[in-house]
Protein backbone atom coordinates (compact mmCIF):
# COMPACT_ATOMS: atom_id res chain seq x y z
CA MET A 1 0.00 0.00 0.00
CA ALA A 2 1.42 3.37 -1.01
CA MET A 3 1.88 5.99 1.65
CA VAL A 4 0.07 9.28 1.01
CA ARG A 5 2.39 12.27 1.26
CA PRO A 6 0.60 15.43 2.37
CA PHE A 7 0.77 18.56 0.23
CA SER A 8 3.19 21.30 1.20
CA ARG A 9 1.79 24.60 2.45
CA ASP A 10 2.43 26.31 -0.92
CA GLN A 11 0.71 23.49 -2.79
CA ARG A 12 -2.31 23.63 -0.47
CA THR A 13 -2.54 27.40 -0.93
CA THR A 14 -2.54 27.03 -4.71
CA ILE A 15 -5.21 24.34 -4.55
CA ILE A 16 -7.39 26.44 -2.22
CA PHE A 17 -7.14 29.51 -4.47
CA GLY A 18 -8.08 27.42 -7.52
CA MET A 19 -11.07 25.99 -5.69
CA LEU A 20 -12.07 29.46 -4.53
CA ALA A 21 -12.13 30.62 -8.15
CA PHE A 22 -14.46 27.72 -9.03
CA VAL A 23 -16.70 28.46 -6.04
CA ILE A 24 -16.99 32.13 -7.03
CA VAL A 25 -17.93 31.20 -10.62
CA ILE A 26 -20.51 28.67 -9.40
CA MET A 27 -22.01 31.20 -6.96
CA VAL A 28 -22.27 33.88 -9.65
CA LEU A 29 -23.98 31.38 -11.93
CA GLN A 30 -26.41 30.47 -9.15
CA LEU A 31 -27.25 34.12 -8.57
CA TRP A 32 -27.81 34.62 -12.30
CA LEU A 33 -29.98 31.49 -12.37
CA LEU A 34 -32.06 32.79 -9.46
CA THR A 35 -32.53 36.15 -11.17
CA ALA A 36 -33.48 34.60 -14.51
CA THR A 37 -35.85 32.14 -12.84
CA MET A 38 -37.59 34.84 -10.81
CA ASN A 39 -37.91 37.00 -13.93
CA ALA A 40 -39.50 34.11 -15.86
CA TYR A 41 -41.76 33.13 -12.97
CA LEU A 42 -43.00 36.68 -12.44
CA GLY A 43 -43.59 36.86 -16.20
CA GLY A 44 -45.96 33.91 -15.95
CA ASP A 45 -43.68 31.04 -17.03
CA GLN A 46 -43.85 28.38 -14.32
CA ARG A 47 -42.12 25.66 -16.35
CA VAL A 48 -38.65 26.93 -15.45
CA ILE A 49 -38.95 26.40 -11.70
CA VAL A 50 -38.12 22.68 -11.52
CA PRO A 51 -35.19 22.69 -13.99
CA ALA A 52 -33.70 25.74 -12.30
CA ALA A 53 -34.03 24.12 -8.88
CA LEU A 54 -32.31 20.96 -10.15
CA VAL A 55 -29.43 22.93 -11.65
CA SER A 56 -29.10 24.91 -8.44
CA LEU A 57 -28.94 21.68 -6.42
CA VAL A 58 -26.18 20.37 -8.70
CA ALA A 59 -24.24 23.60 -8.21
CA CYS A 60 -24.69 23.32 -4.45
CA ALA A 61 -23.48 19.70 -4.56
CA LEU A 62 -20.36 20.81 -6.45
CA ASN A 63 -19.58 23.39 -3.79
CA VAL A 64 -20.16 20.87 -0.99
CA GLY A 65 -17.88 18.40 -2.77
CA LEU A 66 -15.12 20.99 -2.99
CA LEU A 67 -15.54 21.80 0.70
CA ARG A 68 -15.30 18.12 1.64
CA TYR A 69 -12.11 17.81 -0.44
CA VAL A 70 -10.58 20.72 1.47
CA TRP A 71 -11.52 19.13 4.80
CA ARG A 72 -9.94 15.81 3.75
CA MET A 73 -6.82 17.58 2.49
CA GLU A 74 -6.45 19.38 5.82
CA ARG A 75 -6.99 16.18 7.78
CA VAL A 76 -4.25 14.35 5.83
CA SER A 77 -1.77 17.22 6.28
CA ARG A 78 -1.98 17.07 10.09
């Protein structure tokens, strides 16, 4: 069984900043999705609610997955 070598501090910082960039992009897309969905709903189109909610849940799951990766990375480094 191979031994897992923890990342150095500089490597962890680079990984965290990369993940932060992805999280920011996902959050901006979620805010845009909320705005577009509310605009369509208030305009009388109720068909967009379920697809928008599903896409928003996928985006939330991506962010939670990134957070769990960071937690695991920190646990291994200690």
